[in-house]
Full PDB file with SEQRES, HELIX, SHEET, SSBOND, CRYST1, ORIGX, SCALE, CONECT and MASTER records, all heavy atoms in Angstrom:
SEQRES   1 A   40  THR LEU LYS GLN TRP LYS GLU LEU ASP GLY SER ILE THR          
SEQRES   2 A   40  ILE ALA ALA ASN GLU ALA LYS ASP ASN VAL ARG TYR LEU          
SEQRES   3 A   40  TYR THR LEU ASP LYS PHE PHE GLY PRO LEU ALA ASN ALA          
SEQRES   4 A   40  SER                                                          
HELIX    1 AA1 LEU A    2  TYR A   27  1                                  26    
HELIX    2 AA2 ASP A   30  ASN A   38  1                                   9    
CRYST1    1.000    1.000    1.000  90.00  90.00  90.00 P 1           1          
ORIGX1      1.000000  0.000000  0.000000        0.00000                         
ORIGX2      0.000000  1.000000  0.000000        0.00000                         
ORIGX3      0.000000  0.000000  1.000000        0.00000                         
SCALE1      1.000000  0.000000  0.000000        0.00000                         
SCALE2      0.000000  1.000000  0.000000        0.00000                         
SCALE3      0.000000  0.000000  1.000000        0.00000                         
ATOM      1  N   THR A   1    -113.623 164.461   7.970  1.00  0.00           N  
ATOM      2  CA  THR A   1    -112.688 164.094   9.045  1.00  0.00           C  
ATOM      3  C   THR A   1    -111.715 162.998   8.610  1.00  0.00           C  
ATOM      4  O   THR A   1    -110.690 162.798   9.250  1.00  0.00           O  
ATOM      5  CB  THR A   1    -113.439 163.598  10.304  1.00  0.00           C  
ATOM      6  OG1 THR A   1    -114.232 162.471   9.947  1.00  0.00           O  
ATOM      7  CG2 THR A   1    -114.309 164.693  10.899  1.00  0.00           C  
ATOM      8  N   LEU A   2    -112.032 162.322   7.519  1.00  0.00           N  
ATOM      9  CA  LEU A   2    -111.196 161.194   7.104  1.00  0.00           C  
ATOM     10  C   LEU A   2    -109.854 161.614   6.509  1.00  0.00           C  
ATOM     11  O   LEU A   2    -108.913 160.823   6.518  1.00  0.00           O  
ATOM     12  CB  LEU A   2    -111.964 160.304   6.122  1.00  0.00           C  
ATOM     13  CG  LEU A   2    -113.145 159.561   6.737  1.00  0.00           C  
ATOM     14  CD1 LEU A   2    -113.822 158.699   5.703  1.00  0.00           C  
ATOM     15  CD2 LEU A   2    -112.701 158.729   7.923  1.00  0.00           C  
ATOM     16  N   LYS A   3    -109.761 162.851   6.033  1.00  0.00           N  
ATOM     17  CA  LYS A   3    -108.479 163.298   5.471  1.00  0.00           C  
ATOM     18  C   LYS A   3    -107.402 163.273   6.565  1.00  0.00           C  
ATOM     19  O   LYS A   3    -106.321 162.721   6.366  1.00  0.00           O  
ATOM     20  CB  LYS A   3    -108.615 164.701   4.884  1.00  0.00           C  
ATOM     21  CG  LYS A   3    -107.343 165.188   4.234  1.00  0.00           C  
ATOM     22  CD  LYS A   3    -107.496 166.562   3.633  1.00  0.00           C  
ATOM     23  CE  LYS A   3    -106.205 166.919   2.927  1.00  0.00           C  
ATOM     24  NZ  LYS A   3    -105.862 168.306   3.048  1.00  0.00           N  
ATOM     25  N   GLN A   4    -107.716 163.848   7.718  1.00  0.00           N  
ATOM     26  CA  GLN A   4    -106.775 163.841   8.843  1.00  0.00           C  
ATOM     27  C   GLN A   4    -106.514 162.413   9.310  1.00  0.00           C  
ATOM     28  O   GLN A   4    -105.383 162.055   9.651  1.00  0.00           O  
ATOM     29  CB  GLN A   4    -107.339 164.636  10.021  1.00  0.00           C  
ATOM     30  CG  GLN A   4    -107.440 166.116   9.781  1.00  0.00           C  
ATOM     31  CD  GLN A   4    -108.088 166.812  10.972  1.00  0.00           C  
ATOM     32  OE1 GLN A   4    -108.065 166.307  12.084  1.00  0.00           O  
ATOM     33  NE2 GLN A   4    -108.673 167.967  10.723  1.00  0.00           N  
ATOM     34  N   TRP A   5    -107.560 161.610   9.331  1.00  0.00           N  
ATOM     35  CA  TRP A   5    -107.433 160.228   9.778  1.00  0.00           C  
ATOM     36  C   TRP A   5    -106.454 159.453   8.901  1.00  0.00           C  
ATOM     37  O   TRP A   5    -105.600 158.725   9.397  1.00  0.00           O  
ATOM     38  CB  TRP A   5    -108.806 159.554   9.789  1.00  0.00           C  
ATOM     39  CG  TRP A   5    -108.734 158.113  10.170  1.00  0.00           C  
ATOM     40  CD1 TRP A   5    -108.767 157.034   9.341  1.00  0.00           C  
ATOM     41  CD2 TRP A   5    -108.566 157.599  11.489  1.00  0.00           C  
ATOM     42  NE1 TRP A   5    -108.658 155.879  10.065  1.00  0.00           N  
ATOM     43  CE2 TRP A   5    -108.526 156.193  11.398  1.00  0.00           C  
ATOM     44  CE3 TRP A   5    -108.451 158.181  12.746  1.00  0.00           C  
ATOM     45  CZ2 TRP A   5    -108.367 155.380  12.491  1.00  0.00           C  
ATOM     46  CZ3 TRP A   5    -108.307 157.360  13.850  1.00  0.00           C  
ATOM     47  CH2 TRP A   5    -108.256 155.974  13.718  1.00  0.00           C  
ATOM     48  N   LYS A   6    -106.587 159.619   7.585  1.00  0.00           N  
ATOM     49  CA  LYS A   6    -105.702 158.904   6.661  1.00  0.00           C  
ATOM     50  C   LYS A   6    -104.246 159.339   6.839  1.00  0.00           C  
ATOM     51  O   LYS A   6    -103.333 158.526   6.771  1.00  0.00           O  
ATOM     52  CB  LYS A   6    -106.160 159.110   5.222  1.00  0.00           C  
ATOM     53  CG  LYS A   6    -107.397 158.321   4.879  1.00  0.00           C  
ATOM     54  CD  LYS A   6    -107.856 158.541   3.457  1.00  0.00           C  
ATOM     55  CE  LYS A   6    -109.149 157.782   3.201  1.00  0.00           C  
ATOM     56  NZ  LYS A   6    -109.721 158.063   1.898  1.00  0.00           N  
ATOM     57  N   GLU A   7    -104.031 160.641   7.063  1.00  0.00           N  
ATOM     58  CA  GLU A   7    -102.669 161.140   7.291  1.00  0.00           C  
ATOM     59  C   GLU A   7    -102.072 160.511   8.551  1.00  0.00           C  
ATOM     60  O   GLU A   7    -100.921 160.073   8.556  1.00  0.00           O  
ATOM     61  CB  GLU A   7    -102.675 162.659   7.421  1.00  0.00           C  
ATOM     62  CG  GLU A   7    -102.933 163.383   6.115  1.00  0.00           C  
ATOM     63  CD  GLU A   7    -103.138 164.883   6.300  1.00  0.00           C  
ATOM     64  OE1 GLU A   7    -102.913 165.399   7.423  1.00  0.00           O  
ATOM     65  OE2 GLU A   7    -103.520 165.544   5.322  1.00  0.00           O  
ATOM     66  N   LEU A   8    -102.870 160.475   9.614  1.00  0.00           N  
ATOM     67  CA  LEU A   8    -102.391 159.881  10.864  1.00  0.00           C  
ATOM     68  C   LEU A   8    -102.150 158.384  10.724  1.00  0.00           C  
ATOM     69  O   LEU A   8    -101.175 157.858  11.260  1.00  0.00           O  
ATOM     70  CB  LEU A   8    -103.391 160.138  11.992  1.00  0.00           C  
ATOM     71  CG  LEU A   8    -103.364 161.533  12.582  1.00  0.00           C  
ATOM     72  CD1 LEU A   8    -104.446 161.672  13.639  1.00  0.00           C  
ATOM     73  CD2 LEU A   8    -102.015 161.851  13.179  1.00  0.00           C  
ATOM     74  N   ASP A   9    -103.033 157.719  10.012  1.00  0.00           N  
ATOM     75  CA  ASP A   9    -102.863 156.289   9.771  1.00  0.00           C  
ATOM     76  C   ASP A   9    -101.516 156.047   9.078  1.00  0.00           C  
ATOM     77  O   ASP A   9    -100.763 155.147   9.451  1.00  0.00           O  
ATOM     78  CB  ASP A   9    -104.024 155.759   8.934  1.00  0.00           C  
ATOM     79  CG  ASP A   9    -104.044 154.249   8.804  1.00  0.00           C  
ATOM     80  OD1 ASP A   9    -103.294 153.564   9.527  1.00  0.00           O  
ATOM     81  OD2 ASP A   9    -104.816 153.737   7.980  1.00  0.00           O  
ATOM     82  N   GLY A  10    -101.213 156.869   8.097  1.00  0.00           N  
ATOM     83  CA  GLY A  10     -99.925 156.766   7.407  1.00  0.00           C  
ATOM     84  C   GLY A  10     -98.757 157.038   8.334  1.00  0.00           C  
ATOM     85  O   GLY A  10     -97.735 156.335   8.298  1.00  0.00           O  
ATOM     86  N   SER A  11     -98.878 158.048   9.182  1.00  0.00           N  
ATOM     87  CA  SER A  11     -97.806 158.392  10.122  1.00  0.00           C  
ATOM     88  C   SER A  11     -97.550 157.268  11.116  1.00  0.00           C  
ATOM     89  O   SER A  11     -96.404 156.960  11.451  1.00  0.00           O  
ATOM     90  CB  SER A  11     -98.152 159.675  10.882  1.00  0.00           C  
ATOM     91  OG  SER A  11     -98.227 160.757  10.013  1.00  0.00           O  
ATOM     92  N   ILE A  12     -98.615 156.651  11.579  1.00  0.00           N  
ATOM     93  CA  ILE A  12     -98.472 155.537  12.519  1.00  0.00           C  
ATOM     94  C   ILE A  12     -97.808 154.350  11.841  1.00  0.00           C  
ATOM     95  O   ILE A  12     -96.937 153.696  12.412  1.00  0.00           O  
ATOM     96  CB  ILE A  12     -99.834 155.134  13.108  1.00  0.00           C  
ATOM     97  CG1 ILE A  12    -100.334 156.232  14.018  1.00  0.00           C  
ATOM     98  CG2 ILE A  12     -99.747 153.824  13.860  1.00  0.00           C  
ATOM     99  CD1 ILE A  12    -101.768 156.092  14.397  1.00  0.00           C  
ATOM    100  N   THR A  13     -98.210 154.082  10.626  1.00  0.00           N  
ATOM    101  CA  THR A  13     -97.606 152.970   9.877  1.00  0.00           C  
ATOM    102  C   THR A  13     -96.114 153.213   9.691  1.00  0.00           C  
ATOM    103  O   THR A  13     -95.298 152.297   9.885  1.00  0.00           O  
ATOM    104  CB  THR A  13     -98.315 152.801   8.515  1.00  0.00           C  
ATOM    105  OG1 THR A  13     -99.704 152.545   8.758  1.00  0.00           O  
ATOM    106  CG2 THR A  13     -97.722 151.659   7.722  1.00  0.00           C  
ATOM    107  N   ILE A  14     -95.735 154.440   9.361  1.00  0.00           N  
ATOM    108  CA  ILE A  14     -94.317 154.769   9.192  1.00  0.00           C  
ATOM    109  C   ILE A  14     -93.571 154.598  10.515  1.00  0.00           C  
ATOM    110  O   ILE A  14     -92.490 154.002  10.557  1.00  0.00           O  
ATOM    111  CB  ILE A  14     -94.155 156.198   8.638  1.00  0.00           C  
ATOM    112  CG1 ILE A  14     -94.599 156.240   7.180  1.00  0.00           C  
ATOM    113  CG2 ILE A  14     -92.711 156.681   8.781  1.00  0.00           C  
ATOM    114  CD1 ILE A  14     -94.753 157.648   6.616  1.00  0.00           C  
ATOM    115  N   ALA A  15     -94.138 155.112  11.603  1.00  0.00           N  
ATOM    116  CA  ALA A  15     -93.495 154.994  12.919  1.00  0.00           C  
ATOM    117  C   ALA A  15     -93.352 153.532  13.337  1.00  0.00           C  
ATOM    118  O   ALA A  15     -92.313 153.136  13.887  1.00  0.00           O  
ATOM    119  CB  ALA A  15     -94.286 155.779  13.962  1.00  0.00           C  
ATOM    120  N   ALA A  16     -94.364 152.724  13.080  1.00  0.00           N  
ATOM    121  CA  ALA A  16     -94.301 151.296  13.420  1.00  0.00           C  
ATOM    122  C   ALA A  16     -93.241 150.594  12.579  1.00  0.00           C  
ATOM    123  O   ALA A  16     -92.469 149.773  13.095  1.00  0.00           O  
ATOM    124  CB  ALA A  16     -95.665 150.639  13.214  1.00  0.00           C  
ATOM    125  N   ASN A  17     -93.181 150.917  11.296  1.00  0.00           N  
ATOM    126  CA  ASN A  17     -92.173 150.315  10.423  1.00  0.00           C  
ATOM    127  C   ASN A  17     -90.769 150.725  10.842  1.00  0.00           C  
ATOM    128  O   ASN A  17     -89.843 149.909  10.827  1.00  0.00           O  
ATOM    129  CB  ASN A  17     -92.421 150.701   8.964  1.00  0.00           C  
ATOM    130  CG  ASN A  17     -93.626 150.003   8.385  1.00  0.00           C  
ATOM    131  OD1 ASN A  17     -94.086 148.988   8.883  1.00  0.00           O  
ATOM    132  ND2 ASN A  17     -94.163 150.563   7.310  1.00  0.00           N  
ATOM    133  N   GLU A  18     -90.601 152.001  11.222  1.00  0.00           N  
ATOM    134  CA  GLU A  18     -89.298 152.473  11.677  1.00  0.00           C  
ATOM    135  C   GLU A  18     -88.855 151.706  12.924  1.00  0.00           C  
ATOM    136  O   GLU A  18     -87.722 151.220  12.994  1.00  0.00           O  
ATOM    137  CB  GLU A  18     -89.343 153.967  11.987  1.00  0.00           C  
ATOM    138  CG  GLU A  18     -88.041 154.481  12.569  1.00  0.00           C  
ATOM    139  CD  GLU A  18     -88.101 155.918  13.044  1.00  0.00           C  
ATOM    140  OE1 GLU A  18     -89.207 156.407  13.365  1.00  0.00           O  
ATOM    141  OE2 GLU A  18     -87.037 156.548  13.109  1.00  0.00           O  
ATOM    142  N   ALA A  19     -89.742 151.597  13.897  1.00  0.00           N  
ATOM    143  CA  ALA A  19     -89.395 150.903  15.135  1.00  0.00           C  
ATOM    144  C   ALA A  19     -89.052 149.440  14.863  1.00  0.00           C  
ATOM    145  O   ALA A  19     -88.056 148.919  15.373  1.00  0.00           O  
ATOM    146  CB  ALA A  19     -90.539 151.016  16.133  1.00  0.00           C  
ATOM    147  N   LYS A  20     -89.868 148.774  14.054  1.00  0.00           N  
ATOM    148  CA  LYS A  20     -89.624 147.364  13.720  1.00  0.00           C  
ATOM    149  C   LYS A  20     -88.278 147.197  13.024  1.00  0.00           C  
ATOM    150  O   LYS A  20     -87.492 146.306  13.355  1.00  0.00           O  
ATOM    151  CB  LYS A  20     -90.753 146.857  12.826  1.00  0.00           C  
ATOM    152  CG  LYS A  20     -90.617 145.414  12.398  1.00  0.00           C  
ATOM    153  CD  LYS A  20     -91.770 145.021  11.489  1.00  0.00           C  
ATOM    154  CE  LYS A  20     -91.576 143.633  10.936  1.00  0.00           C  
ATOM    155  NZ  LYS A  20     -92.626 143.274   9.984  1.00  0.00           N  
ATOM    156  N   ASP A  21     -88.007 148.070  12.067  1.00  0.00           N  
ATOM    157  CA  ASP A  21     -86.758 148.010  11.321  1.00  0.00           C  
ATOM    158  C   ASP A  21     -85.556 148.268  12.241  1.00  0.00           C  
ATOM    159  O   ASP A  21     -84.543 147.574  12.163  1.00  0.00           O  
ATOM    160  CB  ASP A  21     -86.803 149.041  10.187  1.00  0.00           C  
ATOM    161  CG  ASP A  21     -85.758 148.780   9.135  1.00  0.00           C  
ATOM    162  OD1 ASP A  21     -85.846 147.745   8.458  1.00  0.00           O  
ATOM    163  OD2 ASP A  21     -84.836 149.626   8.989  1.00  0.00           O  
ATOM    164  N   ASN A  22     -85.684 149.264  13.113  1.00  0.00           N  
ATOM    165  CA  ASN A  22     -84.576 149.587  14.014  1.00  0.00           C  
ATOM    166  C   ASN A  22     -84.302 148.448  14.990  1.00  0.00           C  
ATOM    167  O   ASN A  22     -83.142 148.140  15.271  1.00  0.00           O  
ATOM    168  CB  ASN A  22     -84.856 150.891  14.757  1.00  0.00           C  
ATOM    169  CG  ASN A  22     -84.770 152.098  13.848  1.00  0.00           C  
ATOM    170  OD1 ASN A  22     -84.318 152.006  12.712  1.00  0.00           O  
ATOM    171  ND2 ASN A  22     -85.220 153.231  14.339  1.00  0.00           N  
ATOM    172  N   VAL A  23     -85.349 147.801  15.484  1.00  0.00           N  
ATOM    173  CA  VAL A  23     -85.154 146.646  16.365  1.00  0.00           C  
ATOM    174  C   VAL A  23     -84.429 145.539  15.605  1.00  0.00           C  
ATOM    175  O   VAL A  23     -83.488 144.930  16.121  1.00  0.00           O  
ATOM    176  CB  VAL A  23     -86.501 146.141  16.935  1.00  0.00           C  
ATOM    177  CG1 VAL A  23     -86.360 144.764  17.569  1.00  0.00           C  
ATOM    178  CG2 VAL A  23     -87.060 147.138  17.937  1.00  0.00           C  
ATOM    179  N   ARG A  24     -84.835 145.312  14.388  1.00  0.00           N  
ATOM    180  CA  ARG A  24     -84.203 144.254  13.575  1.00  0.00           C  
ATOM    181  C   ARG A  24     -82.707 144.537  13.396  1.00  0.00           C  
ATOM    182  O   ARG A  24     -81.874 143.649  13.567  1.00  0.00           O  
ATOM    183  CB  ARG A  24     -84.895 144.178  12.215  1.00  0.00           C  
ATOM    184  CG  ARG A  24     -84.394 143.054  11.324  1.00  0.00           C  
ATOM    185  CD  ARG A  24     -85.274 142.879  10.100  1.00  0.00           C  
ATOM    186  NE  ARG A  24     -85.450 144.077   9.318  1.00  0.00           N  
ATOM    187  CZ  ARG A  24     -84.792 144.343   8.191  1.00  0.00           C  
ATOM    188  NH1 ARG A  24     -83.954 143.462   7.701  1.00  0.00           N  
ATOM    189  NH2 ARG A  24     -85.003 145.451   7.529  1.00  0.00           N  
ATOM    190  N   TYR A  25     -82.373 145.767  13.100  1.00  0.00           N  
ATOM    191  CA  TYR A  25     -80.960 146.109  12.910  1.00  0.00           C  
ATOM    192  C   TYR A  25     -80.190 146.090  14.229  1.00  0.00           C  
ATOM    193  O   TYR A  25     -79.042 145.637  14.274  1.00  0.00           O  
ATOM    194  CB  TYR A  25     -80.810 147.474  12.229  1.00  0.00           C  
ATOM    195  CG  TYR A  25     -80.980 147.392  10.737  1.00  0.00           C  
ATOM    196  CD1 TYR A  25     -82.169 147.754  10.129  1.00  0.00           C  
ATOM    197  CD2 TYR A  25     -79.949 146.937   9.925  1.00  0.00           C  
ATOM    198  CE1 TYR A  25     -82.329 147.664   8.753  1.00  0.00           C  
ATOM    199  CE2 TYR A  25     -80.098 146.837   8.555  1.00  0.00           C  
ATOM    200  CZ  TYR A  25     -81.287 147.203   7.973  1.00  0.00           C  
ATOM    201  OH  TYR A  25     -81.437 147.112   6.616  1.00  0.00           O  
ATOM    202  N   LEU A  26     -80.802 146.586  15.296  1.00  0.00           N  
ATOM    203  CA  LEU A  26     -80.101 146.597  16.581  1.00  0.00           C  
ATOM    204  C   LEU A  26     -79.869 145.185  17.116  1.00  0.00           C  
ATOM    205  O   LEU A  26     -78.903 144.958  17.846  1.00  0.00           O  
ATOM    206  CB  LEU A  26     -80.866 147.450  17.595  1.00  0.00           C  
ATOM    207  CG  LEU A  26     -80.786 148.954  17.347  1.00  0.00           C  
ATOM    208  CD1 LEU A  26     -81.753 149.704  18.254  1.00  0.00           C  
ATOM    209  CD2 LEU A  26     -79.366 149.463  17.519  1.00  0.00           C  
ATOM    210  N   TYR A  27     -80.734 144.239  16.755  1.00  0.00           N  
ATOM    211  CA  TYR A  27     -80.510 142.849  17.163  1.00  0.00           C  
ATOM    212  C   TYR A  27     -79.185 142.317  16.623  1.00  0.00           C  
ATOM    213  O   TYR A  27     -78.578 141.435  17.229  1.00  0.00           O  
ATOM    214  CB  TYR A  27     -81.661 141.931  16.717  1.00  0.00           C  
ATOM    215  CG  TYR A  27     -82.657 141.671  17.806  1.00  0.00           C  
ATOM    216  CD1 TYR A  27     -83.994 142.008  17.635  1.00  0.00           C  
ATOM    217  CD2 TYR A  27     -82.289 141.091  19.015  1.00  0.00           C  
ATOM    218  CE1 TYR A  27     -84.928 141.782  18.636  1.00  0.00           C  
ATOM    219  CE2 TYR A  27     -83.209 140.867  20.029  1.00  0.00           C  
ATOM    220  CZ  TYR A  27     -84.531 141.220  19.819  1.00  0.00           C  
ATOM    221  OH  TYR A  27     -85.441 140.992  20.817  1.00  0.00           O  
ATOM    222  N   THR A  28     -78.716 142.860  15.515  1.00  0.00           N  
ATOM    223  CA  THR A  28     -77.420 142.415  14.990  1.00  0.00           C  
ATOM    224  C   THR A  28     -76.278 142.841  15.910  1.00  0.00           C  
ATOM    225  O   THR A  28     -75.193 142.270  15.852  1.00  0.00           O  
ATOM    226  CB  THR A  28     -77.160 142.946  13.559  1.00  0.00           C  
ATOM    227  OG1 THR A  28     -77.076 144.367  13.590  1.00  0.00           O  
ATOM    228  CG2 THR A  28     -78.243 142.500  12.595  1.00  0.00           C  
ATOM    229  N   LEU A  29     -76.522 143.830  16.758  1.00  0.00           N  
ATOM    230  CA  LEU A  29     -75.506 144.278  17.716  1.00  0.00           C  
ATOM    231  C   LEU A  29     -75.619 143.547  19.055  1.00  0.00           C  
ATOM    232  O   LEU A  29     -74.705 143.614  19.872  1.00  0.00           O  
ATOM    233  CB  LEU A  29     -75.648 145.783  17.980  1.00  0.00           C  
ATOM    234  CG  LEU A  29     -75.348 146.707  16.814  1.00  0.00           C  
ATOM    235  CD1 LEU A  29     -75.689 148.138  17.193  1.00  0.00           C  
ATOM    236  CD2 LEU A  29     -73.890 146.594  16.420  1.00  0.00           C  
ATOM    237  N   ASP A  30     -76.741 142.884  19.277  1.00  0.00           N  
ATOM    238  CA  ASP A  30     -77.026 142.263  20.568  1.00  0.00           C  
ATOM    239  C   ASP A  30     -75.912 141.321  21.020  1.00  0.00           C  
ATOM    240  O   ASP A  30     -75.584 141.271  22.200  1.00  0.00           O  
ATOM    241  CB  ASP A  30     -78.366 141.533  20.491  1.00  0.00           C  
ATOM    242  CG  ASP A  30     -78.958 141.247  21.849  1.00  0.00           C  
ATOM    243  OD1 ASP A  30     -78.832 142.117  22.737  1.00  0.00           O  
ATOM    244  OD2 ASP A  30     -79.545 140.165  22.021  1.00  0.00           O  
ATOM    245  N   LYS A  31     -75.311 140.609  20.095  1.00  0.00           N  
ATOM    246  CA  LYS A  31     -74.262 139.653  20.455  1.00  0.00           C  
ATOM    247  C   LYS A  31     -73.022 140.344  21.023  1.00  0.00           C  
ATOM    248  O   LYS A  31     -72.203 139.717  21.678  1.00  0.00           O  
ATOM    249  CB  LYS A  31     -73.890 138.798  19.246  1.00  0.00           C  
ATOM    250  CG  LYS A  31     -73.284 139.571  18.097  1.00  0.00           C  
ATOM    251  CD  LYS A  31     -73.009 138.683  16.885  1.00  0.00           C  
ATOM    252  CE  LYS A  31     -72.626 139.534  15.696  1.00  0.00           C  
ATOM    253  NZ  LYS A  31     -73.247 139.083  14.482  1.00  0.00           N  
ATOM    254  N   PHE A  32     -72.888 141.655  20.796  1.00  0.00           N  
ATOM    255  CA  PHE A  32     -71.740 142.395  21.318  1.00  0.00           C  
ATOM    256  C   PHE A  32     -72.016 142.985  22.703  1.00  0.00           C  
ATOM    257  O   PHE A  32     -71.085 143.313  23.429  1.00  0.00           O  
ATOM    258  CB  PHE A  32     -71.352 143.541  20.374  1.00  0.00           C  
ATOM    259  CG  PHE A  32     -70.931 143.072  19.021  1.00  0.00           C  
ATOM    260  CD1 PHE A  32     -71.770 143.219  17.936  1.00  0.00           C  
ATOM    261  CD2 PHE A  32     -69.695 142.467  18.817  1.00  0.00           C  
ATOM    262  CE1 PHE A  32     -71.398 142.789  16.675  1.00  0.00           C  
ATOM    263  CE2 PHE A  32     -69.310 142.026  17.567  1.00  0.00           C  
ATOM    264  CZ  PHE A  32     -70.159 142.182  16.483  1.00  0.00           C  
ATOM    265  N   PHE A  33     -73.285 143.152  23.041  1.00  0.00           N  
ATOM    266  CA  PHE A  33     -73.630 143.846  24.283  1.00  0.00           C  
ATOM    267  C   PHE A  33     -73.131 143.092  25.518  1.00  0.00           C  
ATOM    268  O   PHE A  33     -72.600 143.697  26.438  1.00  0.00           O  
ATOM    269  CB  PHE A  33     -75.133 144.098  24.386  1.00  0.00           C  
ATOM    270  CG  PHE A  33     -75.680 145.035  23.340  1.00  0.00           C  
ATOM    271  CD1 PHE A  33     -77.037 145.130  23.124  1.00  0.00           C  
ATOM    272  CD2 PHE A  33     -74.848 145.823  22.557  1.00  0.00           C  
ATOM    273  CE1 PHE A  33     -77.562 145.996  22.165  1.00  0.00           C  
ATOM    274  CE2 PHE A  33     -75.352 146.685  21.599  1.00  0.00           C  
ATOM    275  CZ  PHE A  33     -76.714 146.769  21.397  1.00  0.00           C  
ATOM    276  N   GLY A  34     -73.308 141.771  25.544  1.00  0.00           N  
ATOM    277  CA  GLY A  34     -72.838 140.970  26.677  1.00  0.00           C  
ATOM    278  C   GLY A  34     -71.334 141.049  26.846  1.00  0.00           C  
ATOM    279  O   GLY A  34     -70.854 141.428  27.917  1.00  0.00           O  
ATOM    280  N   PRO A  35     -70.567 140.710  25.807  1.00  0.00           N  
ATOM    281  CA  PRO A  35     -69.109 140.805  25.935  1.00  0.00           C  
ATOM    282  C   PRO A  35     -68.638 142.223  26.267  1.00  0.00           C  
ATOM    283  O   PRO A  35     -67.680 142.403  27.019  1.00  0.00           O  
ATOM    284  CB  PRO A  35     -68.602 140.382  24.550  1.00  0.00           C  
ATOM    285  CG  PRO A  35     -69.674 139.511  24.015  1.00  0.00           C  
ATOM    286  CD  PRO A  35     -70.953 140.070  24.555  1.00  0.00           C  
ATOM    287  N   LEU A  36     -69.307 143.213  25.749  1.00  0.00           N  
ATOM    288  CA  LEU A  36     -68.921 144.595  26.011  1.00  0.00           C  
ATOM    289  C   LEU A  36     -69.138 144.935  27.491  1.00  0.00           C  
ATOM    290  O   LEU A  36     -68.340 145.643  28.096  1.00  0.00           O  
ATOM    291  CB  LEU A  36     -69.749 145.535  25.129  1.00  0.00           C  
ATOM    292  CG  LEU A  36     -69.234 146.950  24.925  1.00  0.00           C  
ATOM    293  CD1 LEU A  36     -67.846 146.940  24.306  1.00  0.00           C  
ATOM    294  CD2 LEU A  36     -70.197 147.726  24.034  1.00  0.00           C  
ATOM    295  N   ALA A  37     -70.197 144.405  28.073  1.00  0.00           N  
ATOM    296  CA  ALA A  37     -70.513 144.696  29.471  1.00  0.00           C  
ATOM    297  C   ALA A  37     -69.697 143.843  30.439  1.00  0.00           C  
ATOM    298  O   ALA A  37     -69.419 144.269  31.553  1.00  0.00           O  
ATOM    299  CB  ALA A  37     -72.000 144.470  29.718  1.00  0.00           C  
ATOM    300  N   ASN A  38     -69.315 142.645  30.028  1.00  0.00           N  
ATOM    301  CA  ASN A  38     -68.685 141.708  30.959  1.00  0.00           C  
ATOM    302  C   ASN A  38     -67.205 141.469  30.710  1.00  0.00           C  
ATOM    303  O   ASN A  38     -66.578 140.710  31.444  1.00  0.00           O  
ATOM    304  CB  ASN A  38     -69.422 140.367  30.910  1.00  0.00           C  
ATOM    305  CG  ASN A  38     -70.882 140.524  31.275  1.00  0.00           C  
ATOM    306  OD1 ASN A  38     -71.211 141.247  32.208  1.00  0.00           O  
ATOM    307  ND2 ASN A  38     -71.755 139.872  30.541  1.00  0.00           N  
ATOM    308  N   ALA A  39     -66.645 142.081  29.687  1.00  0.00           N  
ATOM    309  CA  ALA A  39     -65.240 141.841  29.351  1.00  0.00           C  
ATOM    310  C   ALA A  39     -64.330 142.647  30.262  1.00  0.00           C  
ATOM    311  O   ALA A  39     -64.756 143.576  30.943  1.00  0.00           O  
ATOM    312  CB  ALA A  39     -64.986 142.222  27.894  1.00  0.00           C  
ATOM    313  N   SER A  40     -63.077 142.295  30.239  1.00  0.00           N  
ATOM    314  CA  SER A  40     -62.083 143.130  30.908  1.00  0.00           C  
ATOM    315  C   SER A  40     -61.841 144.340  29.999  1.00  0.00           C  
ATOM    316  O   SER A  40     -62.286 144.344  28.845  1.00  0.00           O  
ATOM    317  CB  SER A  40     -60.787 142.331  31.098  1.00  0.00           C  
ATOM    318  OG  SER A  40     -60.156 142.150  29.853  1.00  0.00           O  
TER     319      SER A  40                                                      
MASTER        0    0    0    2    0    0    0    6  318    1    0    4          
END                                                                             
């Protein structure tokens, strides 16, 4: 049963890394969100 477990463990690690990385990159856009929403 550990073969499937190891594959899933890897998939979860990849998904967690993707989410963390995407949040880090999207934070660079955060400073634009306020002006974009509140500007004329």
